[in-house]
């Protein structure tokens, strides 16, 4: 099988394993190395955006916090393919205070991912305040507050987008996190609860006055969920009227390189956050940057390149979680990676059978797609960016093989038929 794996290495793909865990209450899982990885200390050529001590060059791209998606292996992949900064899956403050293993695991950070933010959510000021030191101790570059998740089970606990109904609570939670944190605090939210309560310009001003280091807005209301187009004119208005020096990041319907450039051009945002567009498509960051620089759209990845990246993703999963768990956890990703190819459903079915990494690799290498290369398929999840809304006019279908959000099931929706909870 060693020879088989060797055939999957492309020249431009990093083949190093997961770097050491920097911090994390469950550090040392699997076979992850314990030696630190050297950091790239080179400064960007042109610094156009700062979040606290972090400096970014022109038009930075961010990976959204997506529940059951934005785990360390996927974040490392996106970093290797050009993401400037990433966010973890959203972490339940109540879960941390109960010492829930699933929530503790979300605090794990690896060298190669930086800069990275840990996103936290909660329904009460005291609850979030008490959990913040635990998040802070995990060593993220920033702490992000989720005021945008539209999922019912989160909103019913007055968390996520539920806070949009009580801006005094938003102020209180933000102040509590800033009081306990030793690093920059950022916020992610939506336009408002519904069309009758869009106060996002005032919210942006309030947050900047409080000292929030950056604001990300998903250009839909909570009532919209993932329906309809993202309302980019609101992003332009927020940038023009709601912020002065606070960096402003746009989110919603930035699903391909052309749309990413259009969001920058049409709204004036300082950065763009990608959620759904990155699912099964980690190279979108690199393709978008090349497109914005040259005006020419790079060709989509070939079948062989796609298989290469899936193999890389699988290897990272197995290293982080152990081979058996890594193979099982990876199954939820095949739908988005191979969507759009003829016979893809057959391949997905076949990939559900192997219980070893070698078996999965052999299955992929022996499969013939019987189709020419196609455009990068759009992912099947909404840009859950936790406040996600990167979804377009219609609510996307959730693949049947997509597992419901993990954990204890109380912080996030647990039905497969529901959109994953945060992605915030």
Protein backbone atom coordinates (compact mmCIF):
# COMPACT_ATOMS: atom_id res chain seq x y z
CA UNK A 1 0.00 0.00 0.00
CA UNK A 2 2.99 2.32 0.41
CA UNK A 3 3.48 2.35 -3.35
CA UNK A 4 -0.21 3.05 -3.81
CA UNK A 5 -0.08 6.09 -1.55
CA UNK A 6 3.03 7.35 -3.30
CA UNK A 7 1.13 7.64 -6.57
CA UNK A 8 -1.14 10.22 -5.00
CA UNK A 9 1.47 12.91 -4.42
CA UNK A 10 1.29 16.02 -6.59
CA UNK A 11 4.20 18.48 -6.81
CA UNK A 12 2.25 21.46 -5.46
CA UNK A 13 0.65 19.66 -2.54
CA UNK A 14 2.31 19.65 0.85
CA UNK A 15 2.69 16.12 2.07
CA UNK A 16 3.77 16.84 5.64
CA UNK A 17 1.56 15.45 8.36
CA UNK A 18 -0.45 17.41 10.86
CA UNK A 19 1.80 19.74 12.84
CA UNK A 20 1.91 19.53 16.58
CA UNK A 21 -1.07 20.46 18.69
CA UNK A 22 -0.33 23.82 20.23
CA UNK A 23 -3.00 23.83 22.83
CA UNK A 24 -6.05 21.76 23.55
CA UNK A 25 -7.52 20.01 26.51
CA UNK A 26 -7.32 16.68 24.68
CA UNK A 27 -3.89 17.21 23.15
CA UNK A 28 -2.00 14.19 22.00
CA UNK A 29 -4.79 12.39 20.16
CA UNK A 30 -3.78 9.74 17.66
CA UNK A 31 -0.24 9.87 16.35
CA UNK A 32 0.09 13.63 16.08
CA UNK A 33 3.65 14.78 16.48
CA UNK A 34 4.60 16.62 19.66
CA UNK A 35 7.42 18.64 18.14
CA UNK A 36 6.65 22.19 17.08
CA UNK A 37 6.51 23.16 13.43
CA UNK A 38 8.44 26.17 12.20
CA UNK A 39 6.27 29.20 11.58
CA UNK A 40 6.38 31.43 8.52
CA UNK A 41 7.32 34.83 9.85
CA UNK A 42 7.41 36.67 6.52
CA UNK A 43 5.21 39.76 6.43
CA UNK A 44 2.72 40.30 3.61
CA UNK A 45 3.91 42.49 0.76
CA UNK A 46 1.01 44.91 1.18
CA UNK A 47 -0.77 45.14 4.51
CA UNK A 48 -4.35 46.29 3.96
CA UNK A 49 -6.16 44.83 6.96
CA UNK A 50 -5.37 44.27 10.63
CA UNK A 51 -7.23 42.28 13.25
CA UNK A 52 -5.48 43.07 16.49
CA UNK A 53 -1.87 41.96 15.98
CA UNK A 54 -2.67 40.04 12.80
CA UNK A 55 -1.78 41.58 9.46
CA UNK A 56 -3.26 40.58 6.11
CA UNK A 57 -2.41 41.45 2.55
CA UNK A 58 -4.86 42.59 -0.09
CA UNK A 59 -8.26 40.88 -0.24
CA UNK A 60 -7.86 38.20 2.45
CA UNK A 61 -10.06 35.10 2.40
CA UNK A 62 -11.38 33.43 5.55
CA UNK A 63 -12.68 29.92 6.19
CA UNK A 64 -16.01 30.06 7.99
CA UNK A 65 -16.70 28.24 11.24
CA UNK A 66 -18.81 25.28 10.13
CA UNK A 67 -20.10 22.66 12.51
CA UNK A 68 -18.94 19.15 11.64
CA UNK A 69 -16.82 20.60 8.83
CA UNK A 70 -14.19 23.04 10.09
CA UNK A 71 -12.16 20.53 12.08
CA UNK A 72 -8.32 20.59 12.21
CA UNK A 73 -7.74 18.33 9.16
CA UNK A 74 -10.00 20.40 6.91
CA UNK A 75 -8.60 23.66 8.25
CA UNK A 76 -5.04 22.50 7.54
CA UNK A 77 -6.06 21.59 3.98
CA UNK A 78 -7.65 24.99 3.40
CA UNK A 79 -4.57 26.70 4.80
CA UNK A 80 -2.37 24.76 2.40
CA UNK A 81 -4.58 25.91 -0.46
CA UNK A 82 -4.47 29.59 0.36
CA UNK A 83 -6.92 30.47 3.17
CA UNK A 84 -5.58 33.47 5.08
CA UNK A 85 -7.37 32.71 8.33
CA UNK A 86 -9.75 30.09 9.61
CA UNK A 87 -12.26 29.60 12.38
CA UNK A 88 -13.10 26.50 14.35
CA UNK A 89 -16.48 24.85 14.60
CA UNK A 90 -18.54 26.87 17.04
CA UNK A 91 -17.99 25.92 20.65
CA UNK A 92 -20.84 25.77 23.17
CA UNK A 93 -20.03 27.72 26.32
CA UNK A 94 -22.45 25.50 28.25
CA UNK A 95 -20.72 22.41 26.87
CA UNK A 96 -17.33 23.68 27.96
CA UNK A 97 -18.58 24.36 31.46
CA UNK A 98 -19.89 20.78 31.61
CA UNK A 99 -16.52 19.53 30.33
CA UNK A 100 -18.22 17.88 27.35
CA UNK A 101 -15.59 15.96 25.38
CA UNK A 102 -16.91 17.00 21.99
CA UNK A 103 -16.68 20.69 22.90
CA UNK A 104 -13.24 20.30 24.45
CA UNK A 105 -12.01 18.65 21.26
CA UNK A 106 -12.97 21.75 19.29
CA UNK A 107 -10.33 23.70 21.21
CA UNK A 108 -7.49 21.79 19.56
CA UNK A 109 -5.27 23.98 17.40
CA UNK A 110 -2.32 23.05 15.20
CA UNK A 111 0.70 25.15 14.24
CA UNK A 112 0.02 25.08 10.53
CA UNK A 113 -3.47 26.53 10.89
CA UNK A 114 -2.55 29.91 12.27
CA UNK A 115 -3.89 32.48 12.35
CA UNK A 116 -7.06 30.93 13.73
CA UNK A 117 -10.06 32.01 15.74
CA UNK A 118 -12.14 29.90 18.10
CA UNK A 119 -15.82 30.75 17.87
CA UNK A 120 -17.97 30.54 20.99
CA UNK A 121 -21.72 30.79 21.49
CA UNK A 122 -24.04 30.85 24.46
CA UNK A 123 -27.45 32.00 25.58
CA UNK A 124 -26.50 33.80 28.77
CA UNK A 125 -24.02 36.51 29.65
CA UNK A 126 -22.68 34.78 32.76
CA UNK A 127 -22.42 31.45 30.95
CA UNK A 128 -20.35 32.85 28.10
CA UNK A 129 -18.24 34.91 30.49
CA UNK A 130 -17.40 31.83 32.57
CA UNK A 131 -16.41 29.82 29.49
CA UNK A 132 -14.26 32.52 27.90
CA UNK A 133 -11.12 31.83 30.00
CA UNK A 134 -11.25 28.20 28.81
CA UNK A 135 -11.39 29.35 25.20
CA UNK A 136 -8.67 31.90 25.82
CA UNK A 137 -6.39 29.29 27.39
CA UNK A 138 -6.56 27.20 24.21
CA UNK A 139 -4.38 29.81 22.55
CA UNK A 140 -6.35 31.05 19.52
CA UNK A 141 -5.24 34.19 17.74
CA UNK A 142 -8.72 35.66 18.23
CA UNK A 143 -11.97 34.73 19.95
CA UNK A 144 -15.07 35.07 17.79
CA UNK A 145 -18.63 35.38 19.13
CA UNK A 146 -21.46 33.70 17.23
CA UNK A 147 -24.48 35.97 16.95
CA UNK A 148 -25.61 34.52 13.64
CA UNK A 149 -26.49 30.82 13.75
CA UNK A 150 -30.14 30.56 12.63
CA UNK A 151 -30.76 26.95 13.67
CA UNK A 152 -33.85 26.55 15.83
CA UNK A 153 -32.22 24.64 18.67
CA UNK A 154 -29.60 27.34 19.07
CA UNK A 155 -32.05 30.21 18.79
CA UNK A 156 -34.40 28.62 21.34
CA UNK A 157 -31.57 28.85 23.85
CA UNK A 158 -31.21 32.56 23.05
CA UNK A 159 -27.91 31.86 21.34
CA UNK A 160 -26.65 32.56 17.84
CA UNK A 161 -29.07 34.69 15.83
CA UNK A 162 -31.47 34.61 18.79
CA UNK A 163 -29.44 37.44 20.29
CA UNK A 164 -30.56 39.66 17.41
CA UNK A 165 -33.87 40.01 19.24
CA UNK A 166 -32.11 41.54 22.24
CA UNK A 167 -29.30 43.92 21.35
CA UNK A 168 -28.71 44.73 25.02
CA UNK A 169 -27.81 41.06 25.51
CA UNK A 170 -25.52 41.26 22.48
CA UNK A 171 -23.75 44.17 24.11
CA UNK A 172 -23.59 42.32 27.43
CA UNK A 173 -22.17 39.10 25.99
CA UNK A 174 -19.62 41.02 23.92
CA UNK A 175 -18.49 43.04 26.93
CA UNK A 176 -18.23 39.89 29.05
CA UNK A 177 -16.04 38.09 26.51
CA UNK A 178 -13.83 41.14 26.04
CA UNK A 179 -13.41 41.46 29.80
CA UNK A 180 -12.18 37.87 30.16
CA UNK A 181 -10.19 37.50 26.93
CA UNK A 182 -6.50 38.32 26.59
CA UNK A 183 -6.64 38.40 22.80
CA UNK A 184 -8.69 40.23 20.14
CA UNK A 185 -12.44 39.58 20.07
CA UNK A 186 -14.38 39.46 16.81
CA UNK A 187 -18.09 39.02 16.06
CA UNK A 188 -20.07 37.22 13.38
CA UNK A 189 -23.74 37.98 12.90
CA UNK A 190 -26.56 38.47 10.38
CA UNK A 191 -28.42 41.52 9.08
CA UNK A 192 -31.12 41.18 11.72
CA UNK A 193 -33.83 38.90 13.04
CA UNK A 194 -36.24 39.72 10.19
CA UNK A 195 -36.88 42.48 7.68
CA UNK A 196 -38.60 44.58 10.34
CA UNK A 197 -35.60 44.54 12.65
CA UNK A 198 -32.54 45.18 10.51
CA UNK A 199 -30.38 47.38 12.72
CA UNK A 200 -27.04 46.11 11.48
CA UNK A 201 -25.55 49.54 10.77
CA UNK A 202 -26.20 50.60 14.37
CA UNK A 203 -24.95 47.21 15.58
CA UNK A 204 -21.70 47.68 13.65
CA UNK A 205 -21.20 51.12 15.18
CA UNK A 206 -21.92 49.77 18.66
CA UNK A 207 -19.44 46.92 18.29
CA UNK A 208 -16.72 49.17 16.94
CA UNK A 209 -17.24 51.61 19.82
CA UNK A 210 -16.85 48.68 22.22
CA UNK A 211 -13.49 47.78 20.70
CA UNK A 212 -14.43 44.68 18.70
CA UNK A 213 -11.46 43.82 16.47
CA UNK A 214 -13.43 42.77 13.37
CA UNK A 215 -17.01 42.14 12.25
CA UNK A 216 -18.30 39.50 9.84
CA UNK A 217 -21.87 39.78 8.55
CA UNK A 218 -23.83 37.15 6.71
CA UNK A 219 -26.02 39.12 4.34
CA UNK A 220 -29.32 37.48 5.28
CA UNK A 221 -31.69 37.78 8.20
CA UNK A 222 -32.39 34.95 10.60
CA UNK A 223 -35.89 34.69 9.14
CA UNK A 224 -34.39 34.02 5.71
CA UNK A 225 -32.35 31.12 7.04
CA UNK A 226 -30.63 30.06 3.81
CA UNK A 227 -33.37 31.14 1.39
CA UNK A 228 -33.10 33.85 -1.21
CA UNK A 229 -30.05 35.69 -2.43
CA UNK A 230 -27.60 37.17 0.02
CA UNK A 231 -28.31 40.89 0.18
CA UNK A 232 -24.99 42.40 -0.79
CA UNK A 233 -26.26 46.02 -0.90
CA UNK A 234 -26.49 45.78 2.89
CA UNK A 235 -22.82 44.83 3.04
CA UNK A 236 -21.98 47.94 1.05
CA UNK A 237 -24.10 50.06 3.40
CA UNK A 238 -22.48 48.57 6.51
CA UNK A 239 -19.01 49.25 5.13
CA UNK A 240 -19.90 52.82 4.18
CA UNK A 241 -21.98 53.82 7.20
CA UNK A 242 -21.41 51.33 10.00
CA UNK A 243 -17.65 50.98 10.28
CA UNK A 244 -14.76 53.39 10.49
CA UNK A 245 -11.52 51.53 11.20
CA UNK A 246 -12.92 48.15 12.30
CA UNK A 247 -12.23 45.52 9.61
CA UNK A 248 -15.41 44.32 7.95
CA UNK A 249 -15.72 40.84 6.40
CA UNK A 250 -18.56 39.88 4.08
CA UNK A 251 -20.23 36.48 3.93
CA UNK A 252 -22.99 34.99 1.81
CA UNK A 253 -23.11 33.54 -1.71
CA UNK A 254 -19.35 33.83 -2.29
CA UNK A 255 -19.37 30.39 -3.88
CA UNK A 256 -16.78 30.63 -6.64
CA UNK A 257 -13.84 32.83 -7.69
CA UNK A 258 -16.01 35.14 -9.79
CA UNK A 259 -18.47 35.71 -6.94
CA UNK A 260 -15.66 36.29 -4.47
CA UNK A 261 -14.16 39.03 -6.62
CA UNK A 262 -17.63 40.49 -7.20
CA UNK A 263 -18.24 40.75 -3.46
CA UNK A 264 -15.02 42.72 -3.02
CA UNK A 265 -15.81 44.97 -5.97
CA UNK A 266 -19.50 45.57 -5.28
CA UNK A 267 -19.46 45.96 -1.51
CA UNK A 268 -16.02 47.26 -0.56
CA UNK A 269 -15.60 44.69 2.22
CA UNK A 270 -12.11 44.24 3.64
CA UNK A 271 -12.26 40.45 3.48
CA UNK A 272 -14.55 37.63 2.34
CA UNK A 273 -15.51 34.57 4.40
CA UNK A 274 -16.21 31.30 2.60
CA UNK A 275 -18.34 28.48 3.92
CA UNK A 276 -20.34 26.39 1.49
CA UNK A 277 -18.04 27.28 -1.38
CA UNK A 278 -15.15 25.52 0.34
CA UNK A 279 -16.92 22.22 1.01
CA UNK A 280 -15.22 19.53 -1.02
CA UNK A 281 -13.35 22.40 -2.64
CA UNK A 282 -10.44 23.56 -0.44
CA UNK A 283 -8.55 24.86 -3.49
CA UNK A 284 -11.15 27.60 -3.97
CA UNK A 285 -8.94 29.96 -1.97
CA UNK A 286 -5.98 29.54 -4.31
CA UNK A 287 -8.13 29.64 -7.45
CA UNK A 288 -9.89 32.81 -6.27
CA UNK A 289 -6.62 34.58 -5.51
CA UNK A 290 -5.18 33.69 -8.91
CA UNK A 291 -8.36 34.86 -10.61
CA UNK A 292 -8.37 38.18 -8.75
CA UNK A 293 -4.70 38.71 -9.60
CA UNK A 294 -4.73 37.75 -13.27
CA UNK A 295 -8.34 37.94 -14.40
CA UNK A 296 -8.03 34.40 -15.72
CA UNK A 297 -9.93 31.58 -14.09
CA UNK A 298 -7.60 28.65 -13.30
CA UNK A 299 -8.83 25.30 -14.58
CA UNK A 300 -10.76 23.20 -12.09
CA UNK A 301 -8.91 20.32 -10.47
CA UNK A 302 -8.71 17.18 -12.54
CA UNK A 303 -10.12 13.89 -11.35
CA UNK A 304 -6.64 12.79 -10.34
CA UNK A 305 -6.03 16.00 -8.39
CA UNK A 306 -9.38 15.64 -6.67
CA UNK A 307 -8.51 12.08 -5.61
CA UNK A 308 -5.12 13.35 -4.41
CA UNK A 309 -6.72 15.93 -2.13
CA UNK A 310 -9.26 13.47 -0.78
CA UNK A 311 -6.37 11.14 0.05
CA UNK A 312 -4.58 13.99 1.79
CA UNK A 313 -7.72 14.86 3.75
CA UNK A 314 -8.18 11.23 4.73
CA UNK A 315 -4.58 10.96 5.91
CA UNK A 316 -4.97 14.04 8.10
CA UNK A 317 -8.22 12.68 9.55
CA UNK A 318 -6.60 9.36 10.39
CA UNK A 319 -3.60 11.02 11.97
CA UNK A 320 -5.79 13.20 14.14
CA UNK A 321 -8.42 10.68 15.19
CA UNK A 322 -6.77 7.33 14.60
CA UNK A 323 -7.31 5.22 11.49
CA UNK A 324 -10.64 3.60 12.30
CA UNK A 325 -12.38 6.77 13.47
CA UNK A 326 -10.73 8.84 10.76
CA UNK A 327 -11.99 6.53 8.01
CA UNK A 328 -15.53 6.63 9.41
CA UNK A 329 -15.52 10.41 9.92
CA UNK A 330 -14.23 11.00 6.40
CA UNK A 331 -17.29 9.35 4.85
CA UNK A 332 -19.40 12.47 5.26
CA UNK A 333 -17.04 14.40 2.96
CA UNK A 334 -17.16 12.25 -0.17
CA UNK A 335 -20.46 13.64 -1.40
CA UNK A 336 -19.16 17.20 -1.71
CA UNK A 337 -15.79 16.17 -3.16
CA UNK A 338 -17.23 14.07 -5.99
CA UNK A 339 -20.54 15.81 -6.63
CA UNK A 340 -21.14 16.45 -10.31
CA UNK A 341 -19.23 13.51 -11.76
CA UNK A 342 -21.07 10.72 -13.53
CA UNK A 343 -21.20 7.61 -11.40
CA UNK A 344 -20.30 9.67 -8.33
CA UNK A 345 -23.11 8.04 -6.36
CA UNK A 346 -21.62 4.64 -7.15
CA UNK A 347 -18.22 5.77 -5.90
CA UNK A 348 -19.71 7.24 -2.72
CA UNK A 349 -21.44 3.95 -2.06
CA UNK A 350 -18.22 2.02 -2.60
CA UNK A 351 -16.31 4.39 -0.30
CA UNK A 352 -18.72 3.58 2.51
CA UNK A 353 -17.45 0.00 2.61
CA UNK A 354 -13.70 0.08 3.47
CA UNK A 355 -12.76 0.33 7.13
CA UNK A 356 -9.08 1.04 6.53
CA UNK A 357 -7.22 3.92 4.94
CA UNK A 358 -5.58 1.55 2.46
CA UNK A 359 -8.98 0.22 1.43
CA UNK A 360 -10.33 3.70 0.77
CA UNK A 361 -7.30 4.67 -1.31
CA UNK A 362 -7.50 1.50 -3.35
CA UNK A 363 -11.21 2.06 -4.00
CA UNK A 364 -10.58 5.57 -5.30
CA UNK A 365 -7.66 4.59 -7.49
CA UNK A 366 -9.54 1.71 -9.07
CA UNK A 367 -12.63 3.80 -9.83
CA UNK A 368 -13.12 5.23 -13.31
CA UNK A 369 -15.36 8.30 -13.37
CA UNK A 370 -16.35 7.82 -17.03
CA UNK A 371 -16.62 11.56 -17.46
CA UNK A 372 -14.38 14.44 -18.52
CA UNK A 373 -13.22 16.95 -15.95
CA UNK A 374 -15.97 19.34 -14.97
CA UNK A 375 -16.27 22.67 -13.24
CA UNK A 376 -15.78 22.60 -9.50
CA UNK A 377 -19.17 21.57 -8.11
CA UNK A 378 -20.79 23.83 -5.57
CA UNK A 379 -21.01 22.31 -2.14
CA UNK A 380 -24.24 20.90 -0.89
CA UNK A 381 -24.36 22.69 2.45
CA UNK A 382 -25.34 26.24 3.03
CA UNK A 383 -22.47 28.54 3.70
CA UNK A 384 -23.05 27.86 7.12
CA UNK A 385 -20.50 30.02 8.17
CA UNK A 386 -22.21 29.75 11.33
CA UNK A 387 -24.02 32.77 10.53
CA UNK A 388 -23.85 31.31 7.36
CA UNK A 389 -25.73 32.34 4.76
CA UNK A 390 -23.72 31.93 1.91
CA UNK A 391 -26.54 30.17 0.42
CA UNK A 392 -28.22 31.23 -2.76
CA UNK A 393 -31.77 31.59 -3.77
CA UNK A 394 -32.94 28.20 -2.73
CA UNK A 395 -32.31 26.19 0.33
CA UNK A 396 -29.76 23.58 -0.73
CA UNK A 397 -30.37 19.92 -0.27
CA UNK A 398 -28.44 18.26 2.50
CA UNK A 399 -26.91 14.97 1.38
CA UNK A 400 -28.39 11.96 3.11
CA UNK A 401 -24.97 10.75 4.10
CA UNK A 402 -24.14 13.99 5.91
CA UNK A 403 -24.12 13.25 9.63
CA UNK A 404 -25.89 15.51 12.01
CA UNK A 405 -23.76 17.77 14.15
CA UNK A 406 -21.84 15.86 16.74
CA UNK A 407 -21.52 16.37 20.44
CA UNK A 408 -24.19 15.90 23.00
CA UNK A 409 -26.88 16.99 20.60
CA UNK A 410 -28.09 19.73 22.79
CA UNK A 411 -26.15 22.59 21.33
CA UNK A 412 -26.78 21.75 17.71
CA UNK A 413 -29.63 20.36 15.67
CA UNK A 414 -29.45 16.61 15.56
CA UNK A 415 -31.71 15.61 12.67
CA UNK A 416 -30.03 14.76 9.41
CA UNK A 417 -32.84 16.52 7.61
CA UNK A 418 -31.95 19.80 9.29
CA UNK A 419 -29.18 22.09 8.18
CA UNK A 420 -26.20 21.66 10.47
CA UNK A 421 -26.33 23.89 13.39
CA UNK A 422 -23.84 26.52 13.37
CA UNK A 423 -21.62 26.96 10.62
CA UNK A 424 -21.43 30.05 12.25
